[in-house]
Amino acid sequence: MAHKTSRPQEPSTLTVKGRSVRIRTIGAVVLAALVIWFIAANTGSVAIRLWVPSVTLPLWTVLAVTLLVGLVMGGYLFHRRARR
């Protein structure tokens, strides 16, 4: 009997203006646009209690810092998992 040989699966792509673009890339761009819009739409000030002191900051700053911390932590964990 012949053995089936499987080819490595290529990532899903779409053709946009003659260029092949991965669906994952399109999803990341759409998600980034939504995140930027959400941060820009929330401009009011909020009071944040950091254990003892209370700090008043614009909400967009809090959201941007939270996003950056999440990206750094996700990148660290992804890099660490990829090394295993």
Protein backbone atom coordinates (compact mmCIF):
# COMPACT_ATOMS: atom_id res chain seq x y z
CA MET A 1 0.00 0.00 0.00
CA ALA A 2 1.13 3.49 -0.71
CA HIS A 3 1.54 5.91 2.14
CA LYS A 4 -0.26 9.19 1.97
CA THR A 5 2.09 12.12 2.05
CA SER A 6 0.63 15.26 3.48
CA ARG A 7 1.83 18.63 2.33
CA PRO A 8 2.26 21.31 4.93
CA GLN A 9 -0.87 23.43 5.08
CA GLU A 10 -0.35 26.94 3.79
CA PRO A 11 -1.94 29.88 5.62
CA SER A 12 -5.29 31.13 4.33
CA THR A 13 -4.91 34.16 2.07
CA LEU A 14 -7.02 36.63 0.14
CA THR A 15 -6.01 38.61 -2.91
CA VAL A 16 -6.28 42.37 -2.38
CA LYS A 17 -5.37 44.60 -5.33
CA GLY A 18 -3.31 41.81 -6.86
CA ARG A 19 -1.39 41.02 -3.67
CA SER A 20 -1.81 37.93 -1.55
CA VAL A 21 -2.65 38.92 2.04
CA ARG A 22 -3.05 36.50 4.95
CA ILE A 23 -6.45 36.52 6.64
CA ARG A 24 -4.65 36.72 9.98
CA THR A 25 -3.03 40.00 8.90
CA ILE A 26 -6.38 41.47 7.86
CA GLY A 27 -7.86 40.45 11.23
CA ALA A 28 -4.95 42.08 13.10
CA VAL A 29 -5.37 45.33 11.15
CA VAL A 30 -9.12 45.41 11.81
CA LEU A 31 -8.58 44.68 15.51
CA ALA A 32 -5.90 47.40 15.77
CA ALA A 33 -8.24 49.92 14.12
CA LEU A 34 -11.02 49.03 16.58
CA VAL A 35 -8.66 49.35 19.54
CA ILE A 36 -7.41 52.76 18.36
CA TRP A 37 -11.00 53.93 17.80
CA PHE A 38 -12.06 52.69 21.26
CA ILE A 39 -9.15 54.44 22.97
CA ALA A 40 -9.75 57.68 21.03
CA ALA A 41 -13.47 57.65 21.84
CA ASN A 42 -12.87 57.43 25.60
CA THR A 43 -11.32 60.75 26.57
CA GLY A 44 -12.92 61.48 29.94
CA SER A 45 -10.93 61.55 33.18
CA VAL A 46 -11.10 58.72 35.70
CA ALA A 47 -9.85 58.33 39.26
CA ILE A 48 -7.69 55.25 39.79
CA ARG A 49 -6.77 54.00 43.23
CA LEU A 50 -3.25 52.55 43.32
CA TRP A 51 -3.26 50.86 46.73
CA VAL A 52 -2.86 54.07 48.77
CA PRO A 53 -2.71 57.07 46.40
CA SER A 54 -5.59 58.02 44.14
CA VAL A 55 -4.60 59.29 40.68
CA THR A 56 -6.81 61.09 38.16
CA LEU A 57 -5.87 60.40 34.53
CA PRO A 58 -7.54 60.59 31.13
CA LEU A 59 -9.19 57.25 30.34
CA TRP A 60 -7.37 57.00 26.98
CA THR A 61 -4.04 56.99 28.86
CA VAL A 62 -5.19 54.17 31.14
CA LEU A 63 -6.45 52.14 28.16
CA ALA A 64 -3.23 52.71 26.18
CA VAL A 65 -1.02 51.68 29.12
CA THR A 66 -3.19 48.59 29.68
CA LEU A 67 -2.88 47.70 25.99
CA LEU A 68 0.91 48.10 26.04
CA VAL A 69 1.29 46.00 29.20
CA GLY A 70 -0.91 43.30 27.67
CA LEU A 71 1.11 43.30 24.43
CA VAL A 72 4.40 43.05 26.32
CA MET A 73 3.15 40.22 28.52
CA GLY A 74 1.63 38.37 25.55
CA GLY A 75 4.83 38.75 23.54
CA TYR A 76 6.91 37.47 26.44
CA LEU A 77 4.68 34.45 26.97
CA PHE A 78 4.51 33.70 23.23
CA HIS A 79 8.30 33.96 22.90
CA ARG A 80 8.80 31.77 25.95
CA ARG A 81 6.39 29.11 24.65
CA ALA A 82 8.00 29.16 21.18
CA ARG A 83 11.44 28.43 22.68
CA ARG A 84 10.21 25.18 24.26
